PDB file of N, CA and C in Angstrom:
ATOM      1  N   GLY A   1       7.143 -18.124   6.280  1.00  0.00           N
ATOM      2  CA  GLY A   1       7.564 -16.881   5.615  1.00  0.00           C
ATOM      3  C   GLY A   1       7.296 -15.714   6.189  1.00  0.00           C
ATOM      4  N   PHE A   2       7.840 -14.141   6.140  1.00  0.00           N
ATOM      5  CA  PHE A   2       6.803 -13.434   5.918  1.00  0.00           C
ATOM      6  C   PHE A   2       6.984 -12.611   4.780  1.00  0.00           C
ATOM      7  N   ARG A   3       5.377 -12.318   5.083  1.00  0.00           N
ATOM      8  CA  ARG A   3       4.852 -11.520   3.973  1.00  0.00           C
ATOM      9  C   ARG A   3       4.437  -9.934   4.277  1.00  0.00           C
ATOM     10  N   THR A   4       5.124  -9.090   3.520  1.00  0.00           N
ATOM     11  CA  THR A   4       5.098  -7.865   3.909  1.00  0.00           C
ATOM     12  C   THR A   4       4.095  -6.977   2.711  1.00  0.00           C
ATOM     13  N   CYS A   5       3.732  -5.476   3.271  1.00  0.00           N
ATOM     14  CA  CYS A   5       2.762  -4.794   2.655  1.00  0.00           C
ATOM     15  C   CYS A   5       3.232  -2.979   3.222  1.00  0.00           C
ATOM     16  N   VAL A   6       2.971  -2.573   2.018  1.00  0.00           N
ATOM     17  CA  VAL A   6       3.454  -1.092   1.956  1.00  0.00           C
ATOM     18  C   VAL A   6       1.794  -0.635   1.977  1.00  0.00           C
ATOM     19  N   VAL A   7       1.397   0.279   3.645  1.00  0.00           N
ATOM     20  CA  VAL A   7       0.198   0.864   2.554  1.00  0.00           C
ATOM     21  C   VAL A   7       0.721   2.700   2.862  1.00  0.00           C
ATOM     22  N   SER A   8       0.489   3.436   2.319  1.00  0.00           N
ATOM     23  CA  SER A   8       0.839   4.374   1.566  1.00  0.00           C
ATOM     24  C   SER A   8      -0.312   5.506   1.420  1.00  0.00           C
ATOM     25  N   ASN A   9      -0.007   6.685   1.914  1.00  0.00           N
ATOM     26  CA  ASN A   9      -0.954   7.740   2.383  1.00  0.00           C
ATOM     27  C   ASN A   9      -0.679   8.702   0.717  1.00  0.00           C
ATOM     28  N   ALA A  10      -0.969   7.855  -0.429  1.00  0.00           N
ATOM     29  CA  ALA A  10      -0.616   8.497  -1.692  1.00  0.00           C
ATOM     30  C   ALA A  10      -1.683   8.935  -2.526  1.00  0.00           C
ATOM     31  N   TRP A  11      -1.555   9.898  -3.140  1.00  0.00           N
ATOM     32  CA  TRP A  11      -2.376  10.664  -3.797  1.00  0.00           C
ATOM     33  C   TRP A  11      -2.397  10.092  -5.794  1.00  0.00           C
ATOM     34  N   VAL A  12      -3.235  11.323  -6.198  1.00  0.00           N
ATOM     35  CA  VAL A  12      -3.188  10.666  -7.502  1.00  0.00           C
ATOM     36  C   VAL A  12      -1.968  11.836  -8.271  1.00  0.00           C
ATOM     37  N   ASP A  13      -0.946  11.201  -8.428  1.00  0.00           N
ATOM     38  CA  ASP A  13      -0.292  12.632  -8.702  1.00  0.00           C
ATOM     39  C   ASP A  13       0.108  12.937 -10.524  1.00  0.00           C
ATOM     40  N   ASP A  14      -0.626  14.096 -10.435  1.00  0.00           N
ATOM     41  CA  ASP A  14      -0.467  14.817 -11.769  1.00  0.00           C
ATOM     42  C   ASP A  14       0.686  15.741 -12.360  1.00  0.00           C
ATOM     43  N   SER A  15       1.736  15.677 -11.473  1.00  0.00           N
ATOM     44  CA  SER A  15       2.777  17.031 -11.127  1.00  0.00           C
ATOM     45  C   SER A  15       3.716  16.249 -12.540  1.00  0.00           C
ATOM     46  N   PRO A  16       4.214  17.254 -12.806  1.00  0.00           N
ATOM     47  CA  PRO A  16       5.640  16.494 -13.986  1.00  0.00           C
ATOM     48  C   PRO A  16       6.536  15.868 -13.674  1.00  0.00           C
ATOM     49  N   TRP A  17       6.716  15.047 -12.131  1.00  0.00           N
ATOM     50  CA  TRP A  17       7.169  13.984 -11.512  1.00  0.00           C
ATOM     51  C   TRP A  17       6.943  12.764 -11.413  1.00  0.00           C
ATOM     52  N   ARG A  18       5.560  12.770 -12.140  1.00  0.00           N
ATOM     53  CA  ARG A  18       4.308  11.679 -11.921  1.00  0.00           C
ATOM     54  C   ARG A  18       5.405  10.449 -12.006  1.00  0.00           C
ATOM     55  N   ALA A  19       6.154  10.370 -13.185  1.00  0.00           N
ATOM     56  CA  ALA A  19       6.740   9.356 -13.737  1.00  0.00           C
ATOM     57  C   ALA A  19       7.874   9.144 -12.479  1.00  0.00           C
ATOM     58  N   LEU A  20       8.514   9.458 -11.898  1.00  0.00           N
ATOM     59  CA  LEU A  20       9.412   9.090 -10.828  1.00  0.00           C
ATOM     60  C   LEU A  20       8.612   8.668  -9.499  1.00  0.00           C
ATOM     61  N   THR A  21       7.905   9.248  -9.746  1.00  0.00           N
ATOM     62  CA  THR A  21       6.527   8.172  -8.551  1.00  0.00           C
ATOM     63  C   THR A  21       6.400   7.156  -9.201  1.00  0.00           C
ATOM     64  N   ALA A  22       5.873   6.468 -10.193  1.00  0.00           N
ATOM     65  CA  ALA A  22       5.691   5.716 -10.573  1.00  0.00           C
ATOM     66  C   ALA A  22       6.555   4.601 -10.990  1.00  0.00           C
ATOM     67  N   ALA A  23       7.717   5.134 -11.159  1.00  0.00           N
ATOM     68  CA  ALA A  23       9.415   3.854 -10.927  1.00  0.00           C
ATOM     69  C   ALA A  23       9.309   3.900  -9.951  1.00  0.00           C
ATOM     70  N   LEU A  24       9.128   4.858  -8.638  1.00  0.00           N
ATOM     71  CA  LEU A  24       9.370   4.364  -7.116  1.00  0.00           C
ATOM     72  C   LEU A  24       8.234   3.330  -7.141  1.00  0.00           C
ATOM     73  N   GLN A  25       6.509   3.342  -6.776  1.00  0.00           N
ATOM     74  CA  GLN A  25       5.792   2.105  -6.845  1.00  0.00           C
ATOM     75  C   GLN A  25       6.099   0.823  -7.438  1.00  0.00           C
ATOM     76  N   GLN A  26       6.865   1.303  -8.874  1.00  0.00           N
ATOM     77  CA  GLN A  26       6.866  -0.152  -9.197  1.00  0.00           C
ATOM     78  C   GLN A  26       8.055  -0.758  -8.683  1.00  0.00           C
ATOM     79  N   ARG A  27       8.679  -0.060  -8.153  1.00  0.00           N
ATOM     80  CA  ARG A  27      10.476  -0.797  -7.507  1.00  0.00           C
ATOM     81  C   ARG A  27       9.816  -1.282  -6.205  1.00  0.00           C
ATOM     82  N   LEU A  28       9.324  -0.667  -5.383  1.00  0.00           N
ATOM     83  CA  LEU A  28       8.090  -1.305  -4.323  1.00  0.00           C
ATOM     84  C   LEU A  28       7.492  -2.921  -4.598  1.00  0.00           C
ATOM     85  N   ARG A  29       6.588  -2.346  -5.390  1.00  0.00           N
ATOM     86  CA  ARG A  29       5.852  -3.369  -5.854  1.00  0.00           C
ATOM     87  C   ARG A  29       6.447  -4.708  -6.237  1.00  0.00           C
ATOM     88  N   SER A  30       7.780  -5.133  -6.516  1.00  0.00           N
ATOM     89  CA  SER A  30       8.745  -5.815  -6.551  1.00  0.00           C
ATOM     90  C   SER A  30       9.326  -6.391  -5.496  1.00  0.00           C
ATOM     91  N   HIS A  31       9.263  -5.595  -4.188  1.00  0.00           N
ATOM     92  CA  HIS A  31       9.788  -6.189  -3.407  1.00  0.00           C
ATOM     93  C   HIS A  31       8.791  -6.383  -1.978  1.00  0.00           C
ATOM     94  N   PHE A  32       7.561  -6.373  -1.935  1.00  0.00           N
ATOM     95  CA  PHE A  32       7.038  -6.174  -0.948  1.00  0.00           C
ATOM     96  C   PHE A  32       5.281  -6.895  -2.020  1.00  0.00           C
ATOM     97  N   GLN A  33       4.913  -7.961  -0.967  1.00  0.00           N
ATOM     98  CA  GLN A  33       3.867  -8.677  -1.757  1.00  0.00           C
ATOM     99  C   GLN A  33       2.411  -8.092  -1.805  1.00  0.00           C
ATOM    100  N   ALA A  34       2.402  -6.477  -1.424  1.00  0.00           N
ATOM    101  CA  ALA A  34       0.681  -5.543  -1.666  1.00  0.00           C
ATOM    102  C   ALA A  34       1.950  -4.321  -0.945  1.00  0.00           C
ATOM    103  N   LEU A  35       1.352  -3.281  -1.981  1.00  0.00           N
ATOM    104  CA  LEU A  35       0.866  -2.051  -2.130  1.00  0.00           C
ATOM    105  C   LEU A  35      -0.014  -1.625  -2.413  1.00  0.00           C
ATOM    106  N   LEU A  36      -0.565  -1.363  -1.382  1.00  0.00           N
ATOM    107  CA  LEU A  36      -1.702  -0.229  -1.071  1.00  0.00           C
ATOM    108  C   LEU A  36      -1.863   1.314  -0.887  1.00  0.00           C
ATOM    109  N   GLU A  37      -2.672   1.946  -1.435  1.00  0.00           N
ATOM    110  CA  GLU A  37      -2.606   3.094  -2.034  1.00  0.00           C
ATOM    111  C   GLU A  37      -3.921   4.191  -1.334  1.00  0.00           C
ATOM    112  N   SER A  38      -3.777   5.152  -0.479  1.00  0.00           N
ATOM    113  CA  SER A  38      -4.983   5.235  -0.141  1.00  0.00           C
ATOM    114  C   SER A  38      -6.013   6.310  -0.592  1.00  0.00           C
ATOM    115  N   ALA A  39      -5.329   6.786  -1.868  1.00  0.00           N
ATOM    116  CA  ALA A  39      -6.769   7.108  -2.794  1.00  0.00           C
ATOM    117  C   ALA A  39      -6.997   5.705  -3.460  1.00  0.00           C
ATOM    118  N   ARG A  40      -6.215   4.334  -3.488  1.00  0.00           N
ATOM    119  CA  ARG A  40      -6.916   3.788  -4.221  1.00  0.00           C
ATOM    120  C   ARG A  40      -7.667   2.742  -3.806  1.00  0.00           C
ATOM    121  N   ILE A  41      -7.452   2.532  -2.160  1.00  0.00           N
ATOM    122  CA  ILE A  41      -8.807   1.578  -1.467  1.00  0.00           C
ATOM    123  C   ILE A  41      -9.800   2.933  -0.420  1.00  0.00           C
ATOM    124  N   GLY A  42      -9.546   4.224  -0.362  1.00  0.00           N
ATOM    125  CA  GLY A  42     -10.766   4.437  -0.053  1.00  0.00           C
ATOM    126  C   GLY A  42     -10.407   4.903   1.507  1.00  0.00           C
ATOM    127  N   ALA A  43      -8.777   4.671   1.714  1.00  0.00           N
ATOM    128  CA  ALA A  43      -8.887   5.058   3.304  1.00  0.00           C
ATOM    129  C   ALA A  43      -7.622   5.270   3.486  1.00  0.00           C
ATOM    130  N   ALA A  44      -6.747   5.865   4.544  1.00  0.00           N
ATOM    131  CA  ALA A  44      -5.818   6.593   5.332  1.00  0.00           C
ATOM    132  C   ALA A  44      -5.228   5.979   6.008  1.00  0.00           C
ATOM    133  N   THR A  45      -4.557   5.789   6.449  1.00  0.00           N
ATOM    134  CA  THR A  45      -3.434   5.378   7.845  1.00  0.00           C
ATOM    135  C   THR A  45      -3.603   6.786   8.480  1.00  0.00           C
ATOM    136  N   PRO A  46      -4.250   6.643   9.430  1.00  0.00           N
ATOM    137  CA  PRO A  46      -4.212   5.755  10.733  1.00  0.00           C
ATOM    138  C   PRO A  46      -5.669   5.049  10.827  1.00  0.00           C
ATOM    139  N   GLN A  47      -6.224   5.159  10.167  1.00  0.00           N
ATOM    140  CA  GLN A  47      -7.704   4.593   9.766  1.00  0.00           C
ATOM    141  C   GLN A  47      -7.579   3.522   9.667  1.00  0.00           C
ATOM    142  N   PRO A  48      -8.502   2.636  10.486  1.00  0.00           N
ATOM    143  CA  PRO A  48      -8.746   1.194  10.719  1.00  0.00           C
ATOM    144  C   PRO A  48      -8.644   0.568   9.372  1.00  0.00           C
ATOM    145  N   GLU A  49      -9.746   1.105   8.659  1.00  0.00           N
ATOM    146  CA  GLU A  49      -9.859   0.591   7.111  1.00  0.00           C
ATOM    147  C   GLU A  49      -8.854   0.044   6.350  1.00  0.00           C
ATOM    148  N   ALA A  50      -7.432   1.497   6.461  1.00  0.00           N
ATOM    149  CA  ALA A  50      -6.709   0.630   5.898  1.00  0.00           C
ATOM    150  C   ALA A  50      -5.632  -0.236   6.111  1.00  0.00           C
ATOM    151  N   PHE A  51      -5.725  -0.425   7.333  1.00  0.00           N
ATOM    152  CA  PHE A  51      -4.713  -1.994   8.388  1.00  0.00           C
ATOM    153  C   PHE A  51      -5.976  -3.066   8.272  1.00  0.00           C
ATOM    154  N   GLN A  52      -6.938  -2.973   7.177  1.00  0.00           N
ATOM    155  CA  GLN A  52      -7.777  -3.803   6.894  1.00  0.00           C
ATOM    156  C   GLN A  52      -7.836  -4.304   5.931  1.00  0.00           C
ATOM    157  N   ALA A  53      -8.004  -3.538   4.918  1.00  0.00           N
ATOM    158  CA  ALA A  53      -7.280  -4.024   3.660  1.00  0.00           C
ATOM    159  C   ALA A  53      -6.119  -4.257   3.762  1.00  0.00           C
ATOM    160  N   ALA A  54      -5.247  -3.982   4.406  1.00  0.00           N
ATOM    161  CA  ALA A  54      -3.562  -4.821   4.453  1.00  0.00           C
ATOM    162  C   ALA A  54      -3.540  -6.141   4.944  1.00  0.00           C
ATOM    163  N   LEU A  55      -4.338  -6.443   5.703  1.00  0.00           N
ATOM    164  CA  LEU A  55      -4.334  -7.670   6.622  1.00  0.00           C
ATOM    165  C   LEU A  55      -5.208  -8.145   5.038  1.00  0.00           C
ATOM    166  N   ARG A  56      -6.435  -7.740   4.375  1.00  0.00           N
ATOM    167  CA  ARG A  56      -6.733  -9.148   3.019  1.00  0.00           C
ATOM    168  C   ARG A  56      -5.920  -9.358   2.141  1.00  0.00           C
ATOM    169  N   ALA A  57      -5.219  -8.001   1.734  1.00  0.00           N
ATOM    170  CA  ALA A  57      -4.297  -8.368   0.806  1.00  0.00           C
ATOM    171  C   ALA A  57      -3.181  -9.319   0.938  1.00  0.00           C
ATOM    172  N   LEU A  58      -2.784  -9.380   2.663  1.00  0.00           N
ATOM    173  CA  LEU A  58      -1.569 -10.281   3.246  1.00  0.00           C
ATOM    174  C   LEU A  58      -2.724 -11.763   2.934  1.00  0.00           C
ATOM    175  N   GLY A  59      -3.889 -11.860   3.317  1.00  0.00           N
ATOM    176  CA  GLY A  59      -4.402 -13.177   4.054  1.00  0.00           C
ATOM    177  C   GLY A  59      -3.884 -13.235   5.230  1.00  0.00           C
ATOM    178  N   ALA A  60      -3.846 -12.187   6.189  1.00  0.00           N
ATOM    179  CA  ALA A  60      -3.788 -12.124   7.670  1.00  0.00           C
ATOM    180  C   ALA A  60      -4.778 -12.049   8.118  1.00  0.00           C
ATOM    181  N   ARG A  61      -4.662 -12.642   9.614  1.00  0.00           N
ATOM    182  CA  ARG A  61      -5.115 -12.242  10.273  1.00  0.00           C
ATOM    183  C   ARG A  61      -4.573 -11.251  11.804  1.00  0.00           C
ATOM    184  N   PRO A  62      -5.044 -10.363  12.612  1.00  0.00           N
ATOM    185  CA  PRO A  62      -4.648  -9.609  13.536  1.00  0.00           C
ATOM    186  C   PRO A  62      -3.673  -9.842  14.484  1.00  0.00           C
ATOM    187  N   HIS A  63      -3.690 -10.981  15.043  1.00  0.00           N
ATOM    188  CA  HIS A  63      -2.758 -11.644  15.954  1.00  0.00           C
ATOM    189  C   HIS A  63      -1.882 -12.558  15.218  1.00  0.00           C
ATOM    190  N   GLU A  64      -1.727 -12.191  13.904  1.00  0.00           N
ATOM    191  CA  GLU A  64      -0.563 -12.738  13.217  1.00  0.00           C
ATOM    192  C   GLU A  64       0.468 -11.439  12.918  1.00  0.00           C
ATOM    193  N   VAL A  65      -0.065 -10.881  13.145  1.00  0.00           N
ATOM    194  CA  VAL A  65       0.674  -9.604  12.677  1.00  0.00           C
ATOM    195  C   VAL A  65       1.935  -8.070  14.122  1.00  0.00           C
TER     196      VAL A  65
END
């Protein structure tokens, strides 16, 4: 089967719309095996560290993606 992951250049949202952002993230979490936010993993796309974190989260190796 397939395992899927979202790598997001997300930030800490302190805007009045943060509830909508949180709801979207919850919905994404229910459809993907992993949701990685740059603000939480300390790397943003296209940094290699962001994709390495995704591989670790999915338990995958580079040649498998």
